[in-house]
């Protein structure tokens, strides 16, 4: 079982920045594929960014160029640096860990990000 704890959400003005963190339990963090997803009110959860165990990243077209995902395996932590925030980035942001065959998915409790115009 993997436990994920997000932090770093909050209220920011449009154009501002936030950095989200997700700390994972367990001894095998380095082999997990990690990701950030978000869910706005009335909408489905959507992918924001992912990073593989090898460090390959992937971004939603809506955040590419503004957000950066990274990981620190020594700290069992994945980060999401969010710059040039827009009101449409307002959502609950969830951390995801994925590994194994068959694949197992684990989710954090979410952290609220609110961008005011």
Protein backbone atom coordinates (compact mmCIF):
# COMPACT_ATOMS: atom_id res chain seq x y z
CA UNK A 1 0.00 0.00 0.00
CA UNK A 2 1.27 3.45 -0.95
CA UNK A 3 0.17 6.57 0.90
CA UNK A 4 0.40 9.92 -0.84
CA UNK A 5 0.14 13.29 0.90
CA UNK A 6 -0.16 16.46 -1.18
CA UNK A 7 0.65 19.95 0.01
CA UNK A 8 1.23 23.41 -1.40
CA UNK A 9 -2.19 24.34 -2.69
CA UNK A 10 -3.82 27.69 -1.99
CA UNK A 11 -5.20 30.90 -3.41
CA UNK A 12 -3.15 32.87 -5.92
CA UNK A 13 -3.82 35.66 -8.37
CA UNK A 14 -3.74 35.06 -12.09
CA UNK A 15 -0.18 35.13 -13.35
CA UNK A 16 1.19 33.88 -10.08
CA UNK A 17 2.95 30.65 -9.15
CA UNK A 18 2.53 27.73 -6.79
CA UNK A 19 4.52 24.58 -6.15
CA UNK A 20 2.70 21.43 -5.17
CA UNK A 21 4.45 18.59 -3.36
CA UNK A 22 3.44 14.97 -2.94
CA UNK A 23 5.22 12.83 -0.39
CA UNK A 24 4.95 9.07 -0.82
CA UNK A 25 5.36 6.30 1.73
CA UNK A 26 7.22 3.10 1.06
CA UNK A 27 10.63 1.97 -0.06
CA UNK A 28 10.04 1.64 -3.79
CA UNK A 29 9.24 5.22 -4.77
CA UNK A 30 11.96 5.27 -7.42
CA UNK A 31 10.14 2.64 -9.50
CA UNK A 32 6.75 4.36 -9.40
CA UNK A 33 5.39 6.32 -12.30
CA UNK A 34 4.04 9.51 -10.72
CA UNK A 35 1.48 11.97 -11.93
CA UNK A 36 -0.63 14.98 -11.15
CA UNK A 37 -4.30 15.13 -12.08
CA UNK A 38 -6.93 17.77 -11.42
CA UNK A 39 -10.67 17.98 -11.12
CA UNK A 40 -12.65 21.18 -11.42
CA UNK A 41 -16.23 21.45 -10.14
CA UNK A 42 -18.63 19.68 -12.48
CA UNK A 43 -15.85 18.26 -14.61
CA UNK A 44 -14.08 14.94 -14.90
CA UNK A 45 -10.65 14.38 -13.45
CA UNK A 46 -7.99 15.11 -16.07
CA UNK A 47 -4.31 14.46 -16.47
CA UNK A 48 -2.00 17.38 -15.81
CA UNK A 49 1.48 15.84 -15.97
CA UNK A 50 3.29 12.55 -15.47
CA UNK A 51 6.86 11.47 -14.87
CA UNK A 52 8.20 7.97 -15.27
CA UNK A 53 10.69 6.21 -13.03
CA UNK A 54 13.32 7.14 -15.60
CA UNK A 55 12.37 10.82 -15.56
CA UNK A 56 10.46 11.06 -18.83
CA UNK A 57 7.75 13.69 -18.56
CA UNK A 58 4.42 14.22 -20.27
CA UNK A 59 2.10 17.22 -20.06
CA UNK A 60 -1.44 18.15 -20.89
CA UNK A 61 -1.60 20.63 -23.75
CA UNK A 62 -3.36 23.01 -21.38
CA UNK A 63 -0.35 23.29 -19.06
CA UNK A 64 2.64 22.57 -21.29
CA UNK A 65 5.14 25.40 -21.07
CA UNK A 66 3.71 26.68 -17.79
CA UNK A 67 3.91 23.68 -15.44
CA UNK A 68 6.92 21.48 -14.63
CA UNK A 69 6.79 18.07 -12.96
CA UNK A 70 9.86 16.73 -11.20
CA UNK A 71 10.79 14.11 -8.66
CA UNK A 72 13.31 13.66 -5.89
CA UNK A 73 13.73 9.95 -5.24
CA UNK A 74 15.89 10.58 -2.17
CA UNK A 75 12.93 12.40 -0.59
CA UNK A 76 10.17 10.17 -1.99
CA UNK A 77 8.57 13.32 -3.34
CA UNK A 78 7.15 14.53 -6.63
CA UNK A 79 6.62 18.21 -7.36
CA UNK A 80 4.49 20.29 -9.68
CA UNK A 81 5.78 23.80 -10.30
CA UNK A 82 2.94 25.90 -11.68
CA UNK A 83 3.73 29.25 -13.28
CA UNK A 84 1.60 31.77 -15.15
CA UNK A 85 -1.49 30.43 -13.45
CA UNK A 86 -4.88 31.10 -15.00
CA UNK A 87 -8.37 31.07 -13.45
CA UNK A 88 -9.12 27.94 -15.49
CA UNK A 89 -6.37 26.13 -13.55
CA UNK A 90 -8.63 26.26 -10.49
CA UNK A 91 -9.26 22.69 -9.34
CA UNK A 92 -8.46 20.08 -6.76
CA UNK A 93 -5.08 18.62 -7.68
CA UNK A 94 -4.43 14.95 -6.99
CA UNK A 95 -1.18 13.05 -6.85
CA UNK A 96 -1.06 9.58 -8.40
CA UNK A 97 1.39 6.70 -8.08
CA UNK A 98 1.29 3.81 -10.51
CA UNK A 99 3.33 0.61 -10.61
CA UNK A 100 3.27 -3.12 -10.93
CA UNK A 101 1.85 -5.73 -13.26
CA UNK A 102 -1.10 -5.63 -13.24
CA UNK A 103 -0.99 -1.90 -12.66
CA UNK A 104 -1.94 -0.58 -9.24
CA UNK A 105 -3.05 3.03 -8.86
CA UNK A 106 -2.82 5.05 -5.68
CA UNK A 107 -4.22 8.52 -5.04
CA UNK A 108 -3.67 11.28 -2.56
CA UNK A 109 -6.47 13.18 -0.86
CA UNK A 110 -6.10 16.22 -3.11
CA UNK A 111 -5.12 19.83 -2.56
CA UNK A 112 -7.19 22.83 -3.64
CA UNK A 113 -5.72 25.36 -6.05
CA UNK A 114 -7.72 28.52 -6.62
CA UNK A 115 -6.64 31.16 -9.13
CA UNK A 116 -8.41 34.49 -8.93
CA UNK A 117 -8.76 36.83 -11.89
